[in-house]
Amino acid sequence: MNATIKPEADAVWSAADVSMAAVLEALDNLRKQFAVAEAHDDEHPHPRSCVMTLVAVASTDAEERRAQRAARAIGKLHPAQLVVIRDQAEMRSGRIDAAIITDTHRPESDCCPIQCELVVLHVRGAAGEHLASLVDPLLQSGVPAYLWWVGTPPFGKRELADALRICDALVIDSARFDSPYHSLLELSQLAASAHERLGVADMQWARLEPWRETVAGFFAPADRRALMSGITEVGIDYVGDGRGNRVAAALLIGWFASALGWKLQRAAGGGGGIVAAHFSADGWRPVQVAFRSMPKAQLNQGEVSAIRIAGAAGGRTFQLTVLRDPERPPRPGPDIGAGGYQSQHPTGGEDDAGLELAQRKATWHRDVLNGNRDSLHHTATGDAPGESVSPPAVFVRERRRADNSLVLLTMIDLGGAPTLRHVQRVEPEDEATLLLRVLSYGTHDNVYERSLTAAAELMQAI
């Protein structure tokens, strides 16, 4: 195997300085061998299934390894044509090194086994500017073709434009852009000018789903929908310094503005990562938007850590606060109620409500033990009731972890009513799971596209 290509150890075929015709021939032979080997004597070879073509383009070794891991993980669940291209445009010699990796999955049922092939291409020199001609022979007819640019796409260059001609959607992760500010603006231009059937999917948009669902859930009840027309303030905290780390926050504001018809009037950025923007709603009502950078050791640069929405409508005020990784100091053991008899039952929650339930159980537990300890002691030891009875030793147990990065705390204030609190867990997702979720949702997302346009307008005004 040529030293310039480093496929997975279980590559079943590889060649250096090879033509695409040779790659296709090797791929066809591997498929035929598998089909014949899996068919019983009285059966015809089973037809091959394919639900999509996924082409991942990587620019570094690290990106290539990520692309291979994610592609193979997806192939375990869905039969697909998988291609990983390592673009080495900086190398002058025009050549292609190739390898094919196969994974066989045998369902527990009587279904036919599935072989998933991953084609790895290392493309050097000018050949990288013609990705469409390389990929086109590998495309499966009748199924969508997705182009996943693992790093920062070369916006405005022939290489990207050529590849997009044969794909149904471009998949990116704006959180991984090398120059997030400029790349977001270029992405917005691409989405606005691309051909009609091209979709754009952003993994960062998928990561913002818990925030969008929580905010939308607050306004979902019929008696709260009128509150949307009374929003006067929106504040977002994000992690990190520099305007590139504001992309996620800008996408959320773009979502608000595009959905509620807000028009940007002016915006300015200040020191310490502070941004102030002024929108007009309903043609006259002012809405103030503010960003600020807040340190959060458990979160990545650019992640959103808080949203605050306030306003008034229908004669009542409201405030919605959503916090990621909320600050919660350790709570000492309670000295009321059950006191030292607080049981070791789990709290059943991450907030005051959970502790209150546990305390009620502890109180009941203490009363039962005190009311029956004589008979219980006699049954257990044979001693006369009242002899050598010691009180039960039960202690407070704190379940909360020091790391709250998976915690999303929602607090709702409506008028003078007590604050409503809700805690949810934000489940972490690996790249393959996130990518598969983005593809399953569909890549023609009008909500994302209009939010992207509004976010780019805001970022450009800062």
Protein backbone atom coordinates (compact mmCIF):
# COMPACT_ATOMS: atom_id res chain seq x y z
CA MET A 1 0.00 0.00 0.00
CA ASN A 2 1.30 3.43 -0.91
CA ALA A 3 2.51 5.41 2.10
CA THR A 4 0.61 8.52 1.09
CA ILE A 5 -2.77 6.99 1.84
CA LYS A 6 -3.71 5.79 5.30
CA PRO A 7 -7.05 4.02 5.17
CA GLU A 8 -8.43 1.94 7.98
CA ALA A 9 -6.54 -1.27 8.70
CA ASP A 10 -9.32 -3.41 7.23
CA ALA A 11 -9.21 -1.91 3.72
CA VAL A 12 -9.90 -4.75 1.28
CA TRP A 13 -8.51 -2.99 -1.77
CA SER A 14 -6.10 -0.11 -2.36
CA ALA A 15 -4.04 1.31 -5.20
CA ALA A 16 -1.80 4.30 -5.84
CA ASP A 17 -1.93 6.62 -8.85
CA VAL A 18 -5.09 4.94 -10.07
CA SER A 19 -7.87 5.91 -12.46
CA MET A 20 -11.51 6.15 -11.48
CA ALA A 21 -12.26 3.35 -13.92
CA ALA A 22 -10.06 1.04 -11.86
CA VAL A 23 -11.81 2.13 -8.65
CA LEU A 24 -15.23 1.40 -10.17
CA GLU A 25 -14.07 -1.98 -11.41
CA ALA A 26 -12.74 -2.94 -7.96
CA LEU A 27 -15.96 -1.75 -6.32
CA ASP A 28 -18.10 -3.74 -8.75
CA ASN A 29 -16.04 -6.89 -8.16
CA LEU A 30 -16.36 -6.59 -4.37
CA ARG A 31 -20.12 -6.24 -4.63
CA LYS A 32 -20.43 -9.25 -6.92
CA GLN A 33 -18.26 -11.39 -4.63
CA PHE A 34 -20.37 -10.48 -1.61
CA ALA A 35 -23.67 -11.11 -3.39
CA VAL A 36 -22.57 -14.54 -4.62
CA ALA A 37 -21.07 -15.53 -1.26
CA GLU A 38 -24.23 -14.65 0.66
CA ALA A 39 -26.68 -16.32 -1.73
CA HIS A 40 -27.75 -19.89 -0.92
CA ASP A 41 -27.52 -22.60 -3.53
CA ASP A 42 -31.20 -22.27 -4.43
CA GLU A 43 -31.22 -18.45 -4.47
CA HIS A 44 -30.31 -15.71 -6.88
CA PRO A 45 -27.90 -13.06 -5.58
CA HIS A 46 -29.75 -10.52 -3.48
CA PRO A 47 -30.15 -7.03 -4.94
CA ARG A 48 -28.11 -4.29 -3.32
CA SER A 49 -29.93 -1.61 -1.30
CA CYS A 50 -28.94 2.04 -1.11
CA VAL A 51 -30.81 4.96 0.46
CA MET A 52 -28.36 7.79 -0.26
CA THR A 53 -24.91 8.81 -1.43
CA LEU A 54 -22.80 10.66 1.11
CA VAL A 55 -19.64 12.37 -0.13
CA ALA A 56 -17.38 13.83 2.57
CA VAL A 57 -14.56 16.20 1.60
CA ALA A 58 -11.71 16.61 4.09
CA SER A 59 -8.67 18.89 3.98
CA THR A 60 -6.59 17.46 6.86
CA ASP A 61 -5.75 14.07 8.35
CA ALA A 62 -7.92 14.82 11.39
CA GLU A 63 -10.90 15.72 9.20
CA GLU A 64 -10.42 12.56 7.16
CA ARG A 65 -10.43 10.37 10.28
CA ARG A 66 -13.60 12.07 11.53
CA ALA A 67 -15.27 11.63 8.16
CA GLN A 68 -14.40 7.94 8.01
CA ARG A 69 -15.67 7.29 11.54
CA ALA A 70 -18.95 9.09 10.92
CA ALA A 71 -19.51 7.51 7.51
CA ARG A 72 -18.93 3.99 8.78
CA ALA A 73 -21.20 4.58 11.77
CA ILE A 74 -23.98 5.71 9.42
CA GLY A 75 -23.36 2.73 7.16
CA LYS A 76 -24.08 0.38 10.07
CA LEU A 77 -27.66 1.69 10.23
CA HIS A 78 -28.46 2.61 6.64
CA PRO A 79 -27.24 1.07 3.37
CA ALA A 80 -25.52 3.91 1.54
CA GLN A 81 -22.81 4.72 -0.96
CA LEU A 82 -20.09 6.37 1.13
CA VAL A 83 -17.18 8.35 -0.30
CA VAL A 84 -14.47 10.22 1.61
CA ILE A 85 -12.27 12.52 -0.45
CA ARG A 86 -9.04 13.89 0.98
CA ASP A 87 -8.44 17.04 -1.04
CA GLN A 88 -4.72 17.76 -1.37
CA ALA A 89 -4.84 20.68 -3.76
CA GLU A 90 -1.54 22.08 -2.49
CA MET A 91 0.35 19.14 -4.02
CA ARG A 92 1.31 19.79 -7.62
CA SER A 93 1.34 16.26 -8.98
CA GLY A 94 -2.11 15.34 -10.23
CA ARG A 95 -2.93 11.81 -9.12
CA ILE A 96 -5.47 9.76 -7.21
CA ASP A 97 -4.73 7.20 -4.51
CA ALA A 98 -7.71 5.06 -3.57
CA ALA A 99 -8.83 2.45 -1.06
CA ILE A 100 -12.08 0.59 -0.41
CA ILE A 101 -13.23 -0.44 3.07
CA THR A 102 -16.15 -2.80 3.56
CA ASP A 103 -18.34 -3.39 6.62
CA THR A 104 -20.82 -6.27 6.72
CA HIS A 105 -23.84 -6.05 9.00
CA ARG A 106 -26.00 -9.05 9.74
CA PRO A 107 -29.39 -8.19 11.28
CA GLU A 108 -30.66 -10.42 14.08
CA SER A 109 -33.77 -11.15 12.03
CA ASP A 110 -33.79 -13.24 8.89
CA CYS A 111 -33.13 -10.18 6.75
CA CYS A 112 -30.38 -10.30 4.20
CA PRO A 113 -26.91 -9.21 5.35
CA ILE A 114 -25.77 -5.80 4.15
CA GLN A 115 -22.34 -4.83 2.89
CA CYS A 116 -21.48 -1.16 3.06
CA GLU A 117 -18.54 0.08 1.02
CA LEU A 118 -16.54 3.18 1.88
CA VAL A 119 -14.45 4.55 -0.98
CA VAL A 120 -11.50 6.68 0.14
CA LEU A 121 -9.89 8.93 -2.46
CA HIS A 122 -6.77 11.04 -1.97
CA VAL A 123 -6.90 13.63 -4.73
CA ARG A 124 -3.81 15.68 -5.49
CA GLY A 125 -3.33 18.86 -7.44
CA ALA A 126 -5.69 20.24 -10.06
CA ALA A 127 -7.84 17.10 -10.03
CA GLY A 128 -9.39 18.43 -6.82
CA GLU A 129 -10.94 21.27 -8.81
CA HIS A 130 -13.06 18.76 -10.71
CA LEU A 131 -14.71 16.81 -7.92
CA ALA A 132 -17.91 16.44 -9.91
CA SER A 133 -16.20 14.33 -12.57
CA LEU A 134 -14.65 12.14 -9.86
CA VAL A 135 -17.81 11.64 -7.84
CA ASP A 136 -20.37 11.38 -10.63
CA PRO A 137 -19.52 7.76 -11.57
CA LEU A 138 -20.01 6.75 -7.90
CA LEU A 139 -23.45 8.30 -7.52
CA GLN A 140 -26.43 5.99 -7.16
CA SER A 141 -29.42 6.86 -9.32
CA GLY A 142 -32.78 7.51 -7.68
CA VAL A 143 -31.40 8.43 -4.25
CA PRO A 144 -30.27 11.82 -2.88
CA ALA A 145 -26.62 12.80 -2.96
CA TYR A 146 -25.26 14.79 -0.01
CA LEU A 147 -21.98 16.69 0.00
CA TRP A 148 -20.54 17.00 3.51
CA TRP A 149 -17.71 19.51 3.69
CA VAL A 150 -16.05 18.47 6.92
CA GLY A 151 -14.13 21.70 7.49
CA THR A 152 -14.56 25.13 5.94
CA PRO A 153 -15.86 25.02 2.36
CA PRO A 154 -13.85 27.04 -0.20
CA PHE A 155 -16.62 29.56 -0.79
CA GLY A 156 -16.37 31.34 -4.11
CA LYS A 157 -13.92 28.85 -5.59
CA ARG A 158 -14.37 26.57 -8.57
CA GLU A 159 -13.78 23.47 -6.48
CA LEU A 160 -16.97 23.95 -4.42
CA ALA A 161 -19.09 25.22 -7.29
CA ASP A 162 -18.16 22.18 -9.39
CA ALA A 163 -19.02 19.72 -6.62
CA LEU A 164 -22.38 21.34 -5.90
CA ARG A 165 -23.54 20.79 -9.47
CA ILE A 166 -24.16 17.10 -8.88
CA CYS A 167 -25.34 17.16 -5.25
CA ASP A 168 -28.76 17.70 -3.74
CA ALA A 169 -27.51 19.33 -0.55
CA LEU A 170 -24.47 20.82 1.13
CA VAL A 171 -23.90 19.76 4.74
CA ILE A 172 -21.62 21.89 6.90
CA ASP A 173 -20.90 22.65 10.55
CA SER A 174 -20.61 26.41 10.98
CA ALA A 175 -19.21 25.84 14.48
CA ARG A 176 -16.05 24.43 12.87
CA PHE A 177 -15.41 27.19 10.35
CA ASP A 178 -11.86 28.55 10.42
CA SER A 179 -13.14 32.12 9.94
CA PRO A 180 -16.69 31.91 11.30
CA TYR A 181 -17.63 35.54 10.66
CA HIS A 182 -16.63 35.72 7.00
CA SER A 183 -17.68 32.13 6.30
CA LEU A 184 -21.19 32.75 7.66
CA LEU A 185 -21.63 35.70 5.30
CA GLU A 186 -20.39 33.64 2.35
CA LEU A 187 -22.63 30.74 3.34
CA SER A 188 -25.61 33.07 3.34
CA GLN A 189 -24.71 34.29 -0.15
CA LEU A 190 -24.33 30.72 -1.38
CA ALA A 191 -27.72 29.68 0.03
CA ALA A 192 -29.37 32.66 -1.65
CA SER A 193 -27.74 32.17 -5.06
CA ALA A 194 -27.53 28.37 -5.42
CA HIS A 195 -29.77 26.39 -7.73
CA GLU A 196 -33.30 25.77 -6.47
CA ARG A 197 -32.92 22.10 -5.66
CA LEU A 198 -29.80 22.61 -3.53
CA GLY A 199 -30.44 22.38 0.19
CA VAL A 200 -28.13 23.59 2.96
CA ALA A 201 -27.91 21.83 6.32
CA ASP A 202 -25.91 23.09 9.29
CA MET A 203 -25.02 20.85 12.23
CA GLN A 204 -24.76 23.91 14.47
CA TRP A 205 -28.42 24.65 13.72
CA ALA A 206 -29.27 21.15 14.92
CA ARG A 207 -27.34 21.75 18.17
CA LEU A 208 -29.51 24.81 18.78
CA GLU A 209 -32.67 22.73 18.65
CA PRO A 210 -33.07 22.41 22.47
CA TRP A 211 -32.96 26.22 22.74
CA ARG A 212 -35.48 26.72 19.95
CA GLU A 213 -37.82 24.04 21.30
CA THR A 214 -37.70 25.50 24.83
CA VAL A 215 -38.47 29.03 23.63
CA ALA A 216 -41.21 27.84 21.27
CA GLY A 217 -42.67 25.70 24.06
CA PHE A 218 -43.05 28.76 26.28
CA PHE A 219 -45.19 30.52 23.67
CA ALA A 220 -47.07 27.38 22.58
CA PRO A 221 -50.09 27.60 24.97
CA ALA A 222 -52.94 29.56 23.42
CA ASP A 223 -53.06 32.08 26.29
CA ARG A 224 -49.37 32.93 25.82
CA ARG A 225 -49.21 33.40 22.07
CA ALA A 226 -50.14 37.06 22.37
CA LEU A 227 -46.96 37.52 24.42
CA MET A 228 -44.88 37.16 21.25
CA SER A 229 -46.12 40.58 20.13
CA GLY A 230 -45.00 42.05 23.46
CA ILE A 231 -41.33 41.05 23.43
CA THR A 232 -39.17 44.10 24.19
CA GLU A 233 -35.81 42.59 25.22
CA VAL A 234 -33.75 39.56 24.19
CA GLY A 235 -30.37 38.78 25.71
CA ILE A 236 -28.03 35.95 24.75
CA ASP A 237 -24.84 34.86 26.51
CA TYR A 238 -22.19 33.01 24.54
CA VAL A 239 -18.77 31.54 25.29
CA GLY A 240 -15.53 32.97 23.91
CA ASP A 241 -14.16 36.22 22.60
CA GLY A 242 -14.25 37.59 19.08
CA ARG A 243 -17.07 38.08 16.62
CA GLY A 244 -16.66 34.57 15.19
CA ASN A 245 -18.02 33.12 18.43
CA ARG A 246 -21.30 34.99 18.00
CA VAL A 247 -22.51 32.86 15.07
CA ALA A 248 -24.80 30.61 17.14
CA ALA A 249 -26.25 33.61 18.99
CA ALA A 250 -26.80 35.40 15.67
CA LEU A 251 -28.62 32.37 14.25
CA LEU A 252 -31.01 32.40 17.20
CA ILE A 253 -31.69 36.10 16.80
CA GLY A 254 -32.12 35.52 13.08
CA TRP A 255 -34.71 32.89 13.96
CA PHE A 256 -36.60 35.38 16.15
CA ALA A 257 -36.39 38.21 13.63
CA SER A 258 -37.42 36.18 10.57
CA ALA A 259 -40.30 34.47 12.38
CA LEU A 260 -41.73 37.58 14.06
CA GLY A 261 -41.06 40.09 11.30
CA TRP A 262 -38.49 42.19 13.15
CA LYS A 263 -36.52 44.68 11.06
CA LEU A 264 -32.94 45.54 11.98
CA GLN A 265 -32.46 49.27 12.59
CA ARG A 266 -28.90 49.47 13.86
CA ALA A 267 -26.29 47.38 15.67
CA ALA A 268 -22.91 47.96 17.27
CA GLY A 269 -20.27 45.91 19.01
CA GLY A 270 -18.36 47.00 22.09
CA GLY A 271 -15.58 45.78 24.30
CA GLY A 272 -15.76 42.52 26.18
CA GLY A 273 -17.80 40.81 23.49
CA ILE A 274 -20.87 42.98 24.07
CA VAL A 275 -23.21 43.59 21.13
CA ALA A 276 -26.28 45.81 21.10
CA ALA A 277 -28.85 45.74 18.32
CA HIS A 278 -32.13 47.51 17.84
CA PHE A 279 -35.01 46.03 15.87
CA SER A 280 -38.48 47.34 15.10
CA ALA A 281 -41.52 45.09 15.31
CA ASP A 282 -44.94 45.75 13.83
CA GLY A 283 -43.49 48.82 12.18
CA TRP A 284 -42.99 50.81 15.39
CA ARG A 285 -42.44 48.74 18.53
CA PRO A 286 -38.74 48.71 19.57
CA VAL A 287 -37.01 45.45 20.49
CA GLN A 288 -33.59 45.56 22.10
CA VAL A 289 -31.18 42.68 21.56
CA ALA A 290 -27.92 42.21 23.44
CA PHE A 291 -25.10 39.66 23.25
CA ARG A 292 -22.41 39.25 25.85
CA SER A 293 -19.47 36.92 26.26
CA MET A 294 -19.55 34.89 29.48
CA PRO A 295 -16.89 32.35 30.51
CA LYS A 296 -18.07 28.75 30.90
CA ALA A 297 -15.30 26.24 31.44
CA GLN A 298 -17.51 23.25 30.57
CA LEU A 299 -18.74 24.64 27.24
CA ASN A 300 -16.97 25.05 23.90
CA GLN A 301 -16.11 28.35 22.29
CA GLY A 302 -19.10 29.80 20.50
CA GLU A 303 -21.74 27.81 22.40
CA VAL A 304 -24.79 29.61 23.75
CA SER A 305 -25.02 29.57 27.55
CA ALA A 306 -28.17 31.63 28.24
CA ILE A 307 -31.23 33.24 26.68
CA ARG A 308 -33.37 35.87 28.40
CA ILE A 309 -36.60 37.16 26.90
CA ALA A 310 -38.72 39.84 28.55
CA GLY A 311 -41.72 41.94 27.67
CA ALA A 312 -45.33 42.75 28.41
CA ALA A 313 -48.63 42.10 26.64
CA GLY A 314 -52.28 41.92 27.58
CA GLY A 315 -51.71 43.68 30.88
CA ARG A 316 -49.12 41.25 32.25
CA THR A 317 -45.35 41.12 32.19
CA PHE A 318 -43.30 38.05 31.43
CA GLN A 319 -39.72 36.88 31.51
CA LEU A 320 -38.27 33.63 30.16
CA THR A 321 -34.77 32.62 31.23
CA VAL A 322 -33.03 29.55 29.85
CA LEU A 323 -29.60 28.67 31.26
CA ARG A 324 -27.10 26.07 30.10
CA ASP A 325 -24.66 24.87 32.77
CA PRO A 326 -26.37 27.03 35.45
CA GLU A 327 -24.43 28.20 38.47
CA ARG A 328 -25.74 26.24 41.46
CA PRO A 329 -23.68 26.33 44.67
CA PRO A 330 -23.64 23.17 46.81
CA ARG A 331 -26.64 23.03 49.13
CA PRO A 332 -26.04 22.12 52.80
CA GLY A 333 -28.14 19.42 54.41
CA PRO A 334 -31.53 20.72 55.51
CA ASP A 335 -32.05 21.21 59.25
CA ILE A 336 -35.85 21.39 59.07
CA GLY A 337 -38.50 18.76 58.55
CA ALA A 338 -36.83 15.37 58.75
CA GLY A 339 -33.50 16.96 59.68
CA GLY A 340 -30.99 14.27 60.56
CA TYR A 341 -33.52 11.67 59.46
CA GLN A 342 -33.33 12.83 55.83
CA SER A 343 -33.31 9.53 53.97
CA GLN A 344 -30.86 8.40 51.40
CA HIS A 345 -33.60 8.26 48.78
CA PRO A 346 -32.51 9.90 45.49
CA THR A 347 -33.82 13.43 45.21
CA GLY A 348 -35.71 12.55 42.03
CA GLY A 349 -34.78 15.83 40.39
CA GLU A 350 -32.12 18.44 39.87
CA ASP A 351 -33.79 21.39 41.59
CA ASP A 352 -35.64 22.47 44.74
CA ALA A 353 -38.75 20.51 43.77
CA GLY A 354 -36.79 17.27 43.73
CA LEU A 355 -35.28 17.95 47.13
CA GLU A 356 -38.68 18.82 48.55
CA LEU A 357 -40.11 15.48 47.41
CA ALA A 358 -37.16 13.65 48.93
CA GLN A 359 -37.64 15.52 52.19
CA ARG A 360 -41.30 14.54 52.35
CA LYS A 361 -40.32 10.90 51.85
CA ALA A 362 -37.72 11.26 54.59
CA THR A 363 -40.28 12.70 56.99
CA TRP A 364 -42.62 9.82 56.32
CA HIS A 365 -39.75 7.36 56.68
CA ARG A 366 -38.74 8.87 60.03
CA ASP A 367 -42.30 8.76 61.38
CA VAL A 368 -42.73 5.12 60.36
CA LEU A 369 -39.44 4.14 61.99
CA ASN A 370 -40.22 6.02 65.21
CA GLY A 371 -43.73 4.62 65.39
CA ASN A 372 -42.69 1.02 64.89
CA ARG A 373 -39.13 0.82 66.14
CA ASP A 374 -40.01 -1.10 69.32
CA SER A 375 -41.78 -3.90 67.47
CA LEU A 376 -39.22 -3.92 64.67
CA HIS A 377 -36.36 -4.16 67.16
CA HIS A 378 -38.07 -7.01 69.03
CA THR A 379 -38.71 -8.91 65.80
CA ALA A 380 -35.16 -8.49 64.58
CA THR A 381 -33.25 -9.21 67.82
CA GLY A 382 -35.59 -11.01 70.22
CA ASP A 383 -34.87 -8.39 72.89
CA ALA A 384 -37.73 -6.99 74.95
CA PRO A 385 -39.31 -3.90 73.44
CA GLY A 386 -37.49 -0.73 74.42
CA GLU A 387 -34.09 -2.40 75.08
CA SER A 388 -30.97 -1.26 73.17
CA VAL A 389 -32.88 0.66 70.57
CA SER A 390 -30.71 3.20 68.77
CA PRO A 391 -32.07 5.81 66.37
CA PRO A 392 -31.57 5.11 62.67
CA ALA A 393 -28.54 6.74 61.09
CA VAL A 394 -29.65 8.30 57.84
CA PHE A 395 -27.97 11.22 56.10
CA VAL A 396 -28.54 13.83 53.43
CA ARG A 397 -27.19 12.90 50.01
CA GLU A 398 -26.39 15.50 47.37
CA ARG A 399 -26.93 14.10 43.87
CA ARG A 400 -26.03 17.16 41.83
CA ARG A 401 -22.80 16.92 39.89
CA ALA A 402 -20.19 19.63 39.74
CA ASP A 403 -20.43 19.57 35.93
CA ASN A 404 -23.81 20.96 34.85
CA SER A 405 -22.95 21.30 31.16
CA LEU A 406 -25.73 18.87 30.21
CA VAL A 407 -28.32 20.75 32.28
CA LEU A 408 -30.75 23.22 30.71
CA LEU A 409 -32.62 25.19 33.38
CA THR A 410 -35.77 27.09 32.36
CA MET A 411 -37.34 29.73 34.61
CA ILE A 412 -40.67 31.38 33.79
CA ASP A 413 -42.01 34.54 35.43
CA LEU A 414 -45.54 35.55 34.50
CA GLY A 415 -46.83 38.67 36.22
CA GLY A 416 -46.61 38.29 39.98
CA ALA A 417 -46.95 34.51 39.99
CA PRO A 418 -44.22 32.37 41.59
CA THR A 419 -41.35 31.46 39.32
CA LEU A 420 -41.84 28.20 37.41
CA ARG A 421 -38.73 26.08 37.06
CA HIS A 422 -38.01 23.20 34.73
CA VAL A 423 -34.80 21.21 34.35
CA GLN A 424 -33.98 19.09 31.33
CA ARG A 425 -30.95 17.16 30.22
CA VAL A 426 -29.28 18.00 26.92
CA GLU A 427 -28.04 14.69 25.62
CA PRO A 428 -24.61 14.85 23.95
CA GLU A 429 -24.45 13.64 20.36
CA ASP A 430 -21.43 12.40 18.45
CA GLU A 431 -20.76 13.65 14.95
CA ALA A 432 -22.29 10.62 13.21
CA THR A 433 -25.53 10.87 15.20
CA LEU A 434 -25.78 14.60 14.56
CA LEU A 435 -25.06 14.17 10.85
CA LEU A 436 -27.66 11.43 10.51
CA ARG A 437 -30.24 13.56 12.33
CA VAL A 438 -29.56 16.49 10.01
CA LEU A 439 -30.00 14.29 6.94
CA SER A 440 -33.14 12.62 8.26
CA TYR A 441 -34.82 15.98 8.91
CA GLY A 442 -34.34 17.03 5.31
CA THR A 443 -31.90 19.59 4.00
CA HIS A 444 -34.42 22.01 2.48
CA ASP A 445 -35.18 23.92 5.69
CA ASN A 446 -36.85 27.23 4.93
CA VAL A 447 -36.72 28.21 8.61
CA TYR A 448 -32.96 27.77 8.70
CA GLU A 449 -32.42 29.58 5.42
CA ARG A 450 -34.38 32.65 6.46
CA SER A 451 -32.71 32.59 9.91
CA LEU A 452 -29.31 32.40 8.20
CA THR A 453 -30.15 35.42 6.04
CA ALA A 454 -31.24 37.46 9.06
CA ALA A 455 -28.19 36.33 11.06
CA ALA A 456 -25.83 37.37 8.27
CA GLU A 457 -27.51 40.80 8.11
CA LEU A 458 -27.01 41.23 11.85
CA MET A 459 -23.38 40.05 11.80
CA GLN A 460 -22.55 42.35 8.91
CA ALA A 461 -24.06 45.33 10.75
CA ILE A 462 -21.94 44.82 13.88
